[in-house]
Amino acid sequence: MLKKLYQYITSPDNEKEKLLAFVDKIAKSNKTKILDVGCGYGRYLKPLQSKGYDIVGVDKNEAIVNENKKNGLNCISLEALQEMNVSFDLIICAHIIEHFTPTELFSFLDYYLSKLNKGGYLIIATPLYTHYFYDDFDHVKPYHPEGLQMVFGGKDSQVQYTSDQHMVLRDIWFRKSPMVSAFHRAKYFKSPMTRVLQLKDLLMSLLYRVSLGFIGKKDGWIGVFQKSEGYR
C-alpha cells in the first residue's frame, strides 16, 4: 500500500486528462470520425469509445489488436487500415513519433496526414529530452513542434524534407513533472542512500503538487495541428 501511494505521489499523470479534453474540445459531435494510431491496449481508445465517439484504433502488433477486440474495443491491424479507403476528422498520435528517425517520421506523418480530411485535426503527444528519455530502449529522438512545422508547415525551410501535406499548430500544452533524482547508484542498488533519495523525491513531488505544477520540469508536450485547407 505504501509503495503504491509513493508511486502515485511521485508519478503524476495529467497528460491523459489533457489529451481527452482536447478531443472533447475538437469533436463537434460523436459523429466525428477518429483514428487512434498505435493505440496499444486502449489508453485513449477505451475512454473515447465509452463516450460514444466514432473511433477506431490501429496497431501493428497483432496480439494487441486481438486482445482489444476480445475486450470489445474497435481495433484493426495496420494492414487492414491500408486496405481501407477511409479518411478521418481527427487523428491521435500519442507517444509514437519519438520512436522514429527523421526519415521514417516524415513518411509516417505524410501517410497519416493523407488519411486526414481537410480541416481535420492531428493531436500529437510526445516527450521532450530529459534524463530519462532513453530509459525507453527504442526511443530514437525527441521532436519539437517547430521542427514538425519546418517540414509540414508549408513554409520554405532549409531542411531536406518537404511534404504536400500541410498543417498548422492550433494549440499546445506542455507537460510538467516533479524534479526527481536521476543517475544515482542508490537508485539501482539498495543502500542507506536509497532512502534519502526516495525522501527527496517524495518532498519534490509534494512540492510539485502543492504548487499546482509550477515547481517542476517540462518533459513533454501535446500539440493540436489542423490540416490546412486547400491542400489534398
Protein backbone atom coordinates (compact mmCIF):
# COMPACT_ATOMS: atom_id res chain seq x y z
CA MET A 1 0.00 0.00 0.00
CA LEU A 2 2.79 2.44 0.90
CA LYS A 3 4.65 1.56 -2.30
CA LYS A 4 1.56 2.29 -4.42
CA LEU A 5 1.00 5.57 -2.57
CA TYR A 6 4.63 6.57 -3.15
CA GLN A 7 4.35 5.78 -6.87
CA TYR A 8 1.09 7.74 -7.11
CA ILE A 9 2.61 10.83 -5.48
CA THR A 10 5.91 10.75 -7.41
CA SER A 11 4.43 9.82 -10.81
CA PRO A 12 1.53 12.19 -11.56
CA ASP A 13 -0.26 11.54 -14.85
CA ASN A 14 -2.14 14.59 -16.10
CA GLU A 15 -1.37 14.04 -19.78
CA LYS A 16 -4.22 11.61 -20.39
CA GLU A 17 -6.78 14.00 -18.95
CA LYS A 18 -5.46 16.88 -21.08
CA LEU A 19 -5.46 14.90 -24.33
CA LEU A 20 -9.01 13.69 -23.74
CA ALA A 21 -10.03 17.30 -23.05
CA PHE A 22 -8.52 18.34 -26.40
CA VAL A 23 -10.57 15.64 -28.14
CA ASP A 24 -13.77 16.82 -26.44
CA LYS A 25 -13.00 20.39 -27.48
CA ILE A 26 -12.32 19.48 -31.11
CA ALA A 27 -15.01 16.87 -31.72
CA LYS A 28 -18.21 18.67 -32.70
CA SER A 29 -20.29 15.56 -32.18
CA ASN A 30 -19.98 11.82 -31.66
CA LYS A 31 -20.11 11.56 -35.46
CA THR A 32 -16.56 12.94 -35.64
CA LYS A 33 -14.54 10.09 -37.14
CA ILE A 34 -11.42 9.45 -35.01
CA LEU A 35 -8.34 7.27 -35.54
CA ASP A 36 -6.07 6.36 -32.62
CA VAL A 37 -2.68 5.45 -34.13
CA GLY A 38 -0.59 2.97 -32.16
CA CYS A 39 -3.48 2.60 -29.73
CA GLY A 40 -1.82 -0.07 -27.59
CA TYR A 41 -4.18 -1.62 -25.07
CA GLY A 42 -6.67 1.23 -25.28
CA ARG A 43 -5.33 4.04 -23.08
CA TYR A 44 -7.34 6.52 -25.17
CA LEU A 45 -9.39 4.17 -27.30
CA LYS A 46 -11.29 2.75 -24.32
CA PRO A 47 -12.47 6.03 -22.68
CA LEU A 48 -13.31 7.67 -26.02
CA GLN A 49 -15.25 4.65 -27.25
CA SER A 50 -17.11 4.52 -23.94
CA LYS A 51 -18.13 8.18 -24.51
CA GLY A 52 -19.77 7.13 -27.76
CA TYR A 53 -17.23 8.58 -30.18
CA ASP A 54 -16.88 7.01 -33.63
CA ILE A 55 -13.30 5.87 -33.02
CA VAL A 56 -11.11 3.07 -34.29
CA GLY A 57 -7.67 2.12 -33.02
CA VAL A 58 -4.87 0.79 -35.19
CA ASP A 59 -1.83 -1.12 -34.01
CA LYS A 60 0.83 -3.12 -35.82
CA ASN A 61 1.01 -5.68 -33.00
CA GLU A 62 -1.43 -8.45 -33.90
CA ALA A 63 -1.61 -9.73 -30.31
CA ILE A 64 -2.68 -6.27 -29.09
CA VAL A 65 -5.30 -5.98 -31.83
CA ASN A 66 -6.79 -9.35 -30.92
CA GLU A 67 -6.79 -8.54 -27.20
CA ASN A 68 -8.57 -5.24 -27.83
CA LYS A 69 -11.18 -6.93 -29.98
CA LYS A 70 -11.73 -9.53 -27.26
CA ASN A 71 -12.35 -6.66 -24.82
CA GLY A 72 -14.91 -5.06 -27.12
CA LEU A 73 -12.72 -2.30 -28.50
CA ASN A 74 -12.88 -1.25 -32.15
CA CYS A 75 -9.33 -2.03 -33.23
CA ILE A 76 -7.77 -3.04 -36.55
CA SER A 77 -4.35 -4.00 -37.87
CA LEU A 78 -2.14 -1.68 -39.90
CA GLU A 79 -2.64 -3.92 -42.93
CA ALA A 80 -6.42 -3.65 -42.59
CA LEU A 81 -6.20 0.16 -42.43
CA GLN A 82 -4.04 0.29 -45.55
CA GLU A 83 -6.66 -1.70 -47.45
CA MET A 84 -9.49 0.65 -46.42
CA ASN A 85 -10.49 3.68 -48.46
CA VAL A 86 -11.32 5.84 -45.47
CA SER A 87 -10.43 9.26 -44.06
CA PHE A 88 -10.78 10.78 -40.60
CA ASP A 89 -11.72 14.06 -38.95
CA LEU A 90 -9.30 13.61 -36.04
CA ILE A 91 -6.16 11.50 -35.66
CA ILE A 92 -4.48 10.83 -32.32
CA CYS A 93 -0.78 10.05 -32.29
CA ALA A 94 0.30 9.63 -28.66
CA HIS A 95 3.87 8.65 -27.83
CA ILE A 96 4.68 7.40 -31.31
CA ILE A 97 6.85 9.93 -33.13
CA GLU A 98 9.80 9.69 -30.73
CA HIS A 99 10.32 6.09 -31.90
CA PHE A 100 11.18 7.14 -35.48
CA THR A 101 14.22 8.52 -37.25
CA PRO A 102 13.53 11.75 -39.19
CA THR A 103 13.26 9.87 -42.49
CA GLU A 104 10.86 7.33 -41.00
CA LEU A 105 8.81 10.02 -39.28
CA PHE A 106 8.47 12.02 -42.48
CA SER A 107 6.93 9.01 -44.27
CA PHE A 108 4.81 8.14 -41.23
CA LEU A 109 3.25 11.59 -40.82
CA ASP A 110 2.92 12.10 -44.58
CA TYR A 111 0.88 8.89 -44.78
CA TYR A 112 -1.44 9.67 -41.87
CA LEU A 113 -1.98 13.26 -42.94
CA SER A 114 -3.16 11.85 -46.26
CA LYS A 115 -5.81 9.98 -44.21
CA LEU A 116 -6.94 13.22 -42.55
CA ASN A 117 -9.81 15.25 -44.01
CA LYS A 118 -9.12 18.85 -45.00
CA GLY A 119 -9.58 21.00 -41.94
CA GLY A 120 -9.21 17.91 -39.72
CA TYR A 121 -7.02 17.74 -36.64
CA LEU A 122 -3.94 15.79 -35.65
CA ILE A 123 -3.14 15.54 -31.94
CA ILE A 124 0.47 14.64 -31.15
CA ALA A 125 1.69 13.79 -27.64
CA THR A 126 5.42 13.21 -27.22
CA PRO A 127 8.20 13.63 -24.64
CA LEU A 128 10.88 16.29 -24.59
CA TYR A 129 14.50 15.41 -23.94
CA THR A 130 15.03 14.56 -20.26
CA HIS A 131 17.44 12.45 -18.22
CA TYR A 132 15.01 9.53 -18.58
CA PHE A 133 14.17 9.92 -22.29
CA TYR A 134 16.40 6.99 -23.23
CA ASP A 135 15.08 4.78 -20.43
CA ASP A 136 12.75 3.54 -23.16
CA PHE A 137 15.00 1.26 -25.21
CA ASP A 138 13.57 2.17 -28.62
CA HIS A 139 13.26 5.93 -28.18
CA VAL A 140 15.17 7.46 -31.09
CA LYS A 141 14.96 11.23 -30.61
CA PRO A 142 12.62 13.89 -29.21
CA TYR A 143 10.82 16.18 -31.66
CA HIS A 144 9.73 19.77 -31.14
CA PRO A 145 6.66 21.43 -32.71
CA GLU A 146 8.96 23.89 -34.51
CA GLY A 147 10.73 21.01 -36.25
CA LEU A 148 7.47 19.47 -37.44
CA GLN A 149 6.30 22.82 -38.80
CA MET A 150 9.51 23.20 -40.78
CA VAL A 151 8.50 20.13 -42.79
CA PHE A 152 4.71 20.24 -42.69
CA GLY A 153 4.10 23.95 -42.14
CA GLY A 154 4.04 24.89 -45.81
CA LYS A 155 6.92 27.34 -45.46
CA ASP A 156 10.30 27.47 -47.17
CA SER A 157 12.77 25.95 -44.70
CA GLN A 158 16.31 24.74 -45.17
CA VAL A 159 15.53 21.10 -44.42
CA GLN A 160 15.87 18.11 -46.70
CA TYR A 161 12.21 17.06 -46.35
CA THR A 162 9.17 18.72 -47.91
CA SER A 163 5.61 17.44 -47.88
CA ASP A 164 2.46 18.20 -49.84
CA GLN A 165 0.60 17.66 -46.59
CA HIS A 166 0.43 20.91 -44.64
CA MET A 167 -0.68 21.51 -41.06
CA VAL A 168 -0.91 24.48 -38.72
CA LEU A 169 -0.35 24.41 -34.96
CA ARG A 170 -3.60 25.49 -33.29
CA ASP A 171 -2.92 24.74 -29.62
CA ILE A 172 -0.19 23.36 -27.39
CA TRP A 173 0.21 22.19 -23.81
CA PHE A 174 3.48 21.36 -22.04
CA ARG A 175 3.55 18.50 -19.56
CA LYS A 176 5.43 19.03 -16.31
CA SER A 177 6.60 16.56 -13.70
CA PRO A 178 8.37 16.65 -10.30
CA MET A 179 12.13 17.22 -10.23
CA VAL A 180 13.10 13.76 -9.02
CA SER A 181 16.58 12.23 -8.70
CA ALA A 182 18.46 10.60 -11.54
CA PHE A 183 21.74 8.81 -12.24
CA HIS A 184 22.47 7.71 -8.69
CA ARG A 185 23.85 4.28 -7.92
CA ALA A 186 21.43 4.07 -4.99
CA LYS A 187 18.51 4.04 -7.43
CA TYR A 188 19.74 0.74 -8.84
CA PHE A 189 21.24 -0.89 -5.76
CA LYS A 190 19.69 -0.52 -2.32
CA SER A 191 21.79 1.28 0.26
CA PRO A 192 21.26 3.81 3.07
CA MET A 193 21.36 6.49 0.36
CA THR A 194 18.33 4.93 -1.36
CA ARG A 195 16.02 6.09 1.43
CA VAL A 196 17.50 9.57 1.26
CA LEU A 197 16.78 9.80 -2.47
CA GLN A 198 13.26 8.44 -2.00
CA LEU A 199 12.55 11.05 0.67
CA LYS A 200 13.95 13.79 -1.53
CA ASP A 201 11.81 12.63 -4.48
CA LEU A 202 8.73 12.46 -2.26
CA LEU A 203 9.27 16.01 -0.98
CA MET A 204 9.84 17.37 -4.51
CA SER A 205 6.71 15.57 -5.70
CA LEU A 206 4.63 17.02 -2.88
CA LEU A 207 6.05 20.46 -3.67
CA TYR A 208 5.08 19.93 -7.32
CA ARG A 209 1.51 19.08 -6.33
CA VAL A 210 1.14 21.87 -3.77
CA SER A 211 2.38 24.42 -6.33
CA LEU A 212 -0.11 23.01 -8.89
CA GLY A 213 2.76 22.01 -11.14
CA PHE A 214 4.55 25.36 -11.08
CA ILE A 215 7.61 23.87 -9.37
CA GLY A 216 8.56 21.12 -11.77
CA LYS A 217 10.23 20.46 -15.11
CA LYS A 218 8.73 20.38 -18.57
CA ASP A 219 9.18 16.91 -20.01
CA GLY A 220 6.64 16.57 -22.81
CA TRP A 221 4.05 18.32 -24.94
CA ILE A 222 0.72 17.84 -26.68
CA GLY A 223 0.20 19.72 -29.92
CA VAL A 224 -3.06 20.21 -31.79
CA PHE A 225 -2.42 20.61 -35.51
CA GLN A 226 -5.01 21.35 -38.19
CA LYS A 227 -4.63 20.18 -41.77
CA SER A 228 -4.53 23.29 -43.93
CA GLU A 229 -7.40 23.94 -46.31
CA GLY A 230 -6.50 23.99 -49.98
CA TYR A 231 -4.20 21.00 -49.86
CA ARG A 232 -5.02 17.43 -50.72
